[in-house]
Amino acid sequence: MRKAALLSLLLLAAPAVAAARTPVVVELYTAQGCGACGPANAYAAKLAERPGVLVLTLPVDYWDYLGWSDTFAKPEFTERQKAYVAKLALREPYTPQVIVDGRTQANGVKADRVDKLVKDAGRAAHDPPDMRFIQGGRRIDVGSGHAPKGGAEVWLIRYDPREQDVAVKSGDNKGQTVVQKNVVREVTRLGLWKGHTATFRLPAAAEDGLKTVVLVQQAHGGRILGVAQLKKG
């Protein structure tokens, strides 16, 4: 009886552990020169404090021509957003846009809609591959599991966890201070995962103080299958 009771407790605990290892990934595509992005940035900063949610702020560069060059924007962030636009059959990229777990999207100013997508994603079934950092975070093992047709991409993302204030001196937000949190600084494709155990090397971070995340994701802007966060960096 005692063994049966202990086994039951372990089985009950297992889903909770799995859920903790698979946070809902919320990507906010924004720009410092976007007049409508302020509320979305503020909401994302609050959402980042919620347990079980990983918020990634990705500033894009296609509004720079309006008079303010975003201090954090990179063309690879824009390309990542365009992949979602194609996958979700949208007409064009826009800001502020929120992508949840690579599956659904919403306008970032619609906090209620985003909140519902995040809650739905948290309740959705997950069957992620085992992911484990090794060699002090210099490599990551991705275990075997069910891969989508054509395999999945393994992405390294590094972001700054601090809340940062940016004084905008020109453009639509001239004279305003834009507040951003969890700003992504690096996005690197590590390789392809085809459902078999594989190891990927992580390049050294270009900046100090960045957090490291690895995503296993259906190719070309698809759903996110697995998430691993390096505790110390």
Protein backbone atom coordinates (compact mmCIF):
# COMPACT_ATOMS: atom_id res chain seq x y z
CA MET A 1 0.00 0.00 0.00
CA ARG A 2 2.79 2.41 0.91
CA LYS A 3 4.60 1.69 -2.38
CA ALA A 4 1.39 2.23 -4.33
CA ALA A 5 0.72 5.49 -2.57
CA LEU A 6 4.29 6.67 -3.23
CA LEU A 7 3.99 5.75 -6.91
CA SER A 8 0.73 7.68 -7.16
CA LEU A 9 2.36 10.76 -5.67
CA LEU A 10 5.24 10.53 -8.15
CA LEU A 11 2.86 10.22 -11.08
CA LEU A 12 0.88 13.20 -9.88
CA ALA A 13 4.04 15.25 -9.50
CA ALA A 14 5.39 14.43 -12.96
CA PRO A 15 3.01 16.64 -15.00
CA ALA A 16 3.79 19.61 -12.76
CA VAL A 17 7.49 19.17 -13.38
CA ALA A 18 6.94 18.87 -17.14
CA ALA A 19 4.83 22.03 -17.17
CA ALA A 20 7.53 23.95 -15.33
CA ARG A 21 10.02 22.95 -18.01
CA THR A 22 7.81 24.14 -20.86
CA PRO A 23 6.87 27.77 -20.35
CA VAL A 24 4.53 29.56 -22.73
CA VAL A 25 6.72 31.61 -25.07
CA VAL A 26 5.37 35.07 -25.83
CA GLU A 27 7.20 37.01 -28.54
CA LEU A 28 6.49 40.73 -28.75
CA TYR A 29 7.44 42.41 -32.03
CA THR A 30 7.75 46.10 -31.32
CA ALA A 31 9.67 49.26 -32.20
CA GLN A 32 10.73 52.34 -30.30
CA GLY A 33 9.42 54.48 -33.15
CA CYS A 34 5.98 52.82 -33.09
CA GLY A 35 3.47 55.21 -31.55
CA ALA A 36 1.07 52.41 -30.59
CA CYS A 37 3.65 50.14 -28.95
CA GLY A 38 3.84 51.75 -25.50
CA PRO A 39 0.89 49.86 -23.94
CA ALA A 40 2.08 46.57 -25.47
CA ASN A 41 5.57 47.06 -24.01
CA ALA A 42 4.06 47.79 -20.59
CA TYR A 43 1.81 44.73 -20.73
CA ALA A 44 4.71 42.50 -21.83
CA ALA A 45 6.80 43.71 -18.89
CA LYS A 46 4.03 42.67 -16.48
CA LEU A 47 3.48 39.39 -18.28
CA ALA A 48 7.18 38.60 -17.92
CA GLU A 49 6.71 38.36 -14.16
CA ARG A 50 4.06 35.66 -14.48
CA PRO A 51 5.21 32.11 -13.58
CA GLY A 52 5.27 29.74 -16.52
CA VAL A 53 5.55 32.49 -19.13
CA LEU A 54 8.68 33.48 -21.07
CA VAL A 55 8.39 36.90 -22.71
CA LEU A 56 10.83 37.82 -25.47
CA THR A 57 10.84 41.37 -26.83
CA LEU A 58 12.08 41.56 -30.42
CA PRO A 59 12.47 45.09 -31.79
CA VAL A 60 12.13 45.36 -35.58
CA ASP A 61 13.78 47.83 -37.93
CA TYR A 62 11.17 48.57 -40.60
CA TRP A 63 9.91 51.74 -38.87
CA ASP A 64 13.37 53.31 -38.66
CA TYR A 65 12.64 55.42 -41.74
CA LEU A 66 10.06 57.42 -39.76
CA GLY A 67 12.84 59.34 -38.04
CA TRP A 68 14.09 57.21 -35.16
CA SER A 69 16.47 54.26 -35.53
CA ASP A 70 15.53 51.67 -32.92
CA THR A 71 18.52 51.16 -30.64
CA PHE A 72 17.86 47.41 -30.22
CA ALA A 73 16.40 46.42 -33.60
CA LYS A 74 18.11 43.84 -35.78
CA PRO A 75 17.17 42.64 -39.27
CA GLU A 76 17.11 39.02 -38.10
CA PHE A 77 14.25 39.88 -35.73
CA THR A 78 12.31 41.28 -38.68
CA GLU A 79 13.01 38.12 -40.68
CA ARG A 80 11.76 35.97 -37.81
CA GLN A 81 8.53 37.95 -37.72
CA LYS A 82 8.12 37.63 -41.49
CA ALA A 83 8.35 33.84 -41.15
CA TYR A 84 5.37 33.95 -38.78
CA VAL A 85 3.49 36.23 -41.17
CA ALA A 86 3.91 33.65 -43.93
CA LYS A 87 3.07 30.68 -41.68
CA LEU A 88 -0.06 32.33 -40.28
CA ALA A 89 -1.14 33.60 -43.72
CA LEU A 90 -1.17 37.24 -42.65
CA ARG A 91 -0.99 40.09 -45.14
CA GLU A 92 2.05 41.85 -43.69
CA PRO A 93 4.11 42.30 -40.50
CA TYR A 94 2.98 44.94 -38.05
CA THR A 95 3.72 46.29 -34.60
CA PRO A 96 2.94 45.66 -31.87
CA GLN A 97 2.37 41.99 -32.66
CA VAL A 98 2.39 39.12 -30.17
CA ILE A 99 3.11 35.52 -31.17
CA VAL A 100 2.24 32.86 -28.57
CA ASP A 101 4.14 29.55 -28.69
CA GLY A 102 4.60 30.01 -32.43
CA ARG A 103 0.97 28.99 -32.90
CA THR A 104 -1.27 32.02 -32.55
CA GLN A 105 -1.01 35.78 -32.83
CA ALA A 106 -2.75 38.94 -31.66
CA ASN A 107 -2.35 42.69 -31.72
CA GLY A 108 -0.18 43.59 -28.74
CA VAL A 109 -2.51 46.40 -27.64
CA LYS A 110 -5.32 43.89 -27.08
CA ALA A 111 -4.21 42.71 -23.64
CA ASP A 112 -7.37 40.65 -23.02
CA ARG A 113 -6.90 38.75 -26.26
CA VAL A 114 -3.21 38.12 -25.55
CA ASP A 115 -4.03 36.99 -22.02
CA LYS A 116 -6.53 34.44 -23.36
CA LEU A 117 -4.03 33.07 -25.87
CA VAL A 118 -1.44 32.69 -23.11
CA LYS A 119 -3.90 30.87 -20.83
CA ASP A 120 -5.01 28.58 -23.67
CA ALA A 121 -1.40 27.77 -24.50
CA GLY A 122 -0.69 26.98 -20.85
CA ARG A 123 -3.51 24.44 -20.83
CA ALA A 124 -2.55 22.84 -24.14
CA ALA A 125 -0.97 19.40 -24.20
CA HIS A 126 2.82 19.36 -24.58
CA ASP A 127 5.15 16.51 -25.48
CA PRO A 128 8.54 18.23 -25.58
CA PRO A 129 11.83 16.43 -26.15
CA ASP A 130 14.15 16.27 -23.16
CA MET A 131 16.59 19.20 -23.30
CA ARG A 132 19.66 19.46 -21.11
CA PHE A 133 22.55 21.92 -21.03
CA ILE A 134 25.96 20.29 -20.66
CA GLN A 135 29.57 21.46 -20.31
CA GLY A 136 28.54 24.46 -18.27
CA GLY A 137 26.09 25.65 -20.90
CA ARG A 138 28.48 25.39 -23.83
CA ARG A 139 26.38 22.65 -25.41
CA ILE A 140 22.81 21.40 -25.27
CA ASP A 141 21.45 17.88 -25.71
CA VAL A 142 18.05 17.51 -27.37
CA GLY A 143 16.60 14.06 -26.78
CA SER A 144 14.52 11.87 -29.04
CA GLY A 145 10.87 12.57 -29.66
CA HIS A 146 8.23 13.23 -32.24
CA ALA A 147 9.46 15.70 -34.84
CA PRO A 148 7.26 17.37 -37.46
CA LYS A 149 7.64 16.44 -41.11
CA GLY A 150 10.94 17.82 -42.33
CA GLY A 151 12.28 18.18 -38.80
CA ALA A 152 12.45 21.13 -36.46
CA GLU A 153 14.89 23.99 -36.05
CA VAL A 154 16.92 24.54 -32.88
CA TRP A 155 17.29 28.22 -31.99
CA LEU A 156 19.55 29.93 -29.48
CA ILE A 157 18.09 33.13 -28.06
CA ARG A 158 19.83 35.46 -25.64
CA TYR A 159 17.99 38.33 -24.01
CA ASP A 160 18.59 41.08 -21.46
CA PRO A 161 16.30 40.50 -18.45
CA ARG A 162 16.55 44.10 -17.24
CA GLU A 163 13.84 46.69 -17.70
CA GLN A 164 15.37 49.39 -19.89
CA ASP A 165 14.33 53.01 -20.45
CA VAL A 166 15.06 54.54 -23.85
CA ALA A 167 14.63 58.29 -24.42
CA VAL A 168 13.33 58.74 -27.97
CA LYS A 169 14.56 61.99 -29.52
CA SER A 170 12.78 62.00 -32.87
CA GLY A 171 9.95 60.35 -34.80
CA ASP A 172 6.44 59.52 -33.59
CA ASN A 173 7.56 59.05 -29.97
CA LYS A 174 9.77 62.13 -29.81
CA GLY A 175 10.23 63.30 -26.22
CA GLN A 176 8.88 60.07 -24.74
CA THR A 177 10.65 57.36 -22.78
CA VAL A 178 10.07 53.85 -24.07
CA VAL A 179 10.28 51.09 -21.43
CA GLN A 180 11.24 47.60 -22.61
CA LYS A 181 11.96 44.35 -20.77
CA ASN A 182 13.52 41.04 -21.87
CA VAL A 183 14.93 42.58 -25.03
CA VAL A 184 16.44 39.92 -27.30
CA ARG A 185 20.03 40.61 -28.28
CA GLU A 186 20.91 37.41 -30.19
CA VAL A 187 18.99 34.93 -32.34
CA THR A 188 21.04 32.07 -33.79
CA ARG A 189 19.90 28.97 -35.64
CA LEU A 190 21.91 26.06 -34.20
CA GLY A 191 20.74 23.36 -36.58
CA LEU A 192 18.03 20.84 -37.40
CA TRP A 193 16.43 18.29 -35.07
CA LYS A 194 14.83 15.27 -36.76
CA GLY A 195 13.51 13.44 -33.71
CA HIS A 196 16.77 11.70 -32.81
CA THR A 197 19.06 12.65 -29.94
CA ALA A 198 21.39 15.44 -31.03
CA THR A 199 23.92 17.78 -29.42
CA PHE A 200 24.41 21.40 -30.42
CA ARG A 201 27.25 23.75 -29.53
CA LEU A 202 26.35 27.18 -28.16
CA PRO A 203 28.58 30.09 -29.22
CA ALA A 204 29.81 32.43 -26.50
CA ALA A 205 27.55 35.34 -25.65
CA ALA A 206 28.48 38.66 -27.26
CA GLU A 207 27.46 40.59 -24.14
CA ASP A 208 27.58 40.05 -20.39
CA GLY A 209 24.43 39.64 -18.32
CA LEU A 210 22.28 37.97 -20.96
CA LYS A 211 19.90 35.07 -20.28
CA THR A 212 20.13 32.01 -22.52
CA VAL A 213 17.17 30.10 -23.98
CA VAL A 214 17.08 27.31 -26.56
CA LEU A 215 13.91 26.62 -28.54
CA VAL A 216 13.01 23.58 -30.62
CA GLN A 217 10.57 24.87 -33.19
CA GLN A 218 8.80 23.68 -36.30
CA ALA A 219 10.65 25.10 -39.30
CA HIS A 220 9.88 28.44 -40.90
CA GLY A 221 7.95 30.13 -38.13
CA GLY A 222 6.07 27.12 -36.79
CA ARG A 223 4.95 25.99 -33.37
CA ILE A 224 7.41 25.82 -30.49
CA LEU A 225 7.93 22.22 -29.38
CA GLY A 226 10.43 22.56 -26.54
CA VAL A 227 12.07 25.20 -24.38
CA ALA A 228 15.19 25.07 -22.23
CA GLN A 229 16.43 27.94 -20.07
CA LEU A 230 19.98 28.06 -18.77
CA LYS A 231 19.74 28.89 -15.07
CA LYS A 232 23.00 30.77 -14.67
CA GLY A 233 23.01 32.79 -17.88
